[in-house]
Amino acid sequence: MGPEKIVITGIVQGNFIANFVYEKGRSPRLFRTHKVGNDRFGTGDVFASIIAADAVNGVPFERSVKKASNFVKRCVAASVELNIPKTDGVCFEEIIHTLKVN
């Protein structure tokens, strides 16, 4: 009973953002990436969309979490570079072409 896969995102650890990953039958893992920019609306939506699409396409969960994390990081960096106001959320349209299918 219960979920077989869990990811808890956005765990701030100093200059890093961590994601806690659990898969039934495996040891829990923590993946970290350097934090860029500031908090923005929409990052969780982008992250969850990648996880959901990858689940449907059979991408391994760990790889999907890493891909989603890296893409969100690039989205935040692009938002900062383009001077998108924080209140306008995260910019993904300009870099979605960089997102790999698998």
Protein backbone atom coordinates (compact mmCIF):
# COMPACT_ATOMS: atom_id res chain seq x y z
CA MET A 1 0.00 0.00 0.00
CA GLY A 2 1.10 3.56 -0.59
CA PRO A 3 3.21 5.13 -3.29
CA GLU A 4 6.14 3.30 -4.83
CA LYS A 5 7.94 6.48 -5.92
CA ILE A 6 8.24 9.82 -4.12
CA VAL A 7 10.21 12.97 -4.79
CA ILE A 8 10.34 15.93 -2.42
CA THR A 9 11.72 18.94 -4.25
CA GLY A 10 13.18 22.31 -3.41
CA ILE A 11 15.00 21.44 -0.18
CA VAL A 12 17.28 24.42 0.43
CA GLN A 13 20.75 23.45 1.68
CA GLY A 14 22.87 26.60 1.68
CA ASN A 15 23.94 27.25 -1.92
CA PHE A 16 22.25 24.06 -3.09
CA ILE A 17 18.73 22.87 -3.86
CA ALA A 18 18.14 19.21 -3.06
CA ASN A 19 15.57 16.63 -4.13
CA PHE A 20 14.82 13.66 -1.90
CA VAL A 21 14.01 10.56 -3.96
CA TYR A 22 12.44 7.35 -2.72
CA GLU A 23 11.65 4.27 -4.77
CA LYS A 24 10.18 1.14 -3.23
CA GLY A 25 12.88 -1.49 -2.75
CA ARG A 26 15.77 1.00 -3.04
CA SER A 27 17.63 3.16 -0.57
CA PRO A 28 16.45 6.78 -0.43
CA ARG A 29 18.70 9.24 -2.25
CA LEU A 30 19.33 12.97 -2.16
CA PHE A 31 20.31 14.80 -5.35
CA ARG A 32 21.68 18.33 -5.10
CA THR A 33 22.33 21.08 -7.63
CA HIS A 34 23.77 24.56 -7.18
CA LYS A 35 21.06 27.14 -6.58
CA VAL A 36 20.69 29.86 -9.21
CA GLY A 37 18.55 32.97 -9.09
CA ASN A 38 15.67 33.25 -6.68
CA ASP A 39 12.41 31.44 -5.92
CA ARG A 40 9.86 31.70 -8.72
CA PHE A 41 6.32 30.58 -9.32
CA GLY A 42 5.88 27.68 -11.74
CA THR A 43 9.03 25.72 -11.02
CA GLY A 44 7.05 22.94 -9.36
CA ASP A 45 4.63 22.79 -12.28
CA VAL A 46 7.49 22.43 -14.77
CA PHE A 47 9.18 19.81 -12.57
CA ALA A 48 5.97 17.78 -12.13
CA SER A 49 5.19 17.93 -15.84
CA ILE A 50 8.55 16.40 -16.73
CA ILE A 51 8.14 13.67 -14.09
CA ALA A 52 4.64 12.83 -15.36
CA ALA A 53 5.66 12.78 -19.04
CA ASP A 54 8.68 10.61 -18.29
CA ALA A 55 6.56 8.19 -16.24
CA VAL A 56 4.23 7.70 -19.21
CA ASN A 57 7.23 7.19 -21.50
CA GLY A 58 8.95 4.66 -19.20
CA VAL A 59 11.95 6.83 -18.27
CA PRO A 60 13.62 5.58 -15.07
CA PHE A 61 12.51 7.68 -12.09
CA GLU A 62 15.99 8.71 -10.94
CA ARG A 63 16.92 9.90 -14.44
CA SER A 64 13.63 11.79 -14.69
CA VAL A 65 14.21 13.59 -11.37
CA LYS A 66 17.70 14.63 -12.46
CA LYS A 67 16.40 15.81 -15.84
CA ALA A 68 13.58 17.80 -14.27
CA SER A 69 15.92 19.38 -11.73
CA ASN A 70 18.46 20.41 -14.36
CA PHE A 71 15.78 21.80 -16.66
CA VAL A 72 14.18 23.85 -13.88
CA LYS A 73 17.62 25.21 -13.00
CA ARG A 74 18.13 26.27 -16.63
CA CYS A 75 14.65 27.86 -16.65
CA VAL A 76 15.44 29.94 -13.57
CA ALA A 77 18.80 30.98 -15.04
CA ALA A 78 17.08 32.01 -18.31
CA SER A 79 14.47 33.97 -16.35
CA VAL A 80 17.22 35.89 -14.55
CA GLU A 81 19.16 36.46 -17.76
CA LEU A 82 16.05 37.79 -19.54
CA ASN A 83 15.19 40.01 -16.55
CA ILE A 84 11.78 38.40 -16.18
CA PRO A 85 10.13 39.82 -13.04
CA LYS A 86 9.99 37.29 -10.22
CA THR A 87 6.21 37.78 -10.06
CA ASP A 88 5.91 36.55 -13.68
CA GLY A 89 7.19 33.13 -12.74
CA VAL A 90 9.68 30.93 -14.52
CA CYS A 91 10.55 31.27 -18.18
CA PHE A 92 10.60 27.93 -19.99
CA GLU A 93 9.39 28.72 -23.49
CA GLU A 94 12.79 29.98 -24.68
CA ILE A 95 14.62 26.82 -23.67
CA ILE A 96 12.05 24.03 -23.99
CA HIS A 97 13.77 22.93 -27.20
CA THR A 98 16.74 21.84 -25.03
CA LEU A 99 14.64 19.31 -23.12
CA LYS A 100 15.51 15.81 -24.26
CA VAL A 101 12.67 13.37 -24.90
CA ASN A 102 14.40 10.44 -23.16
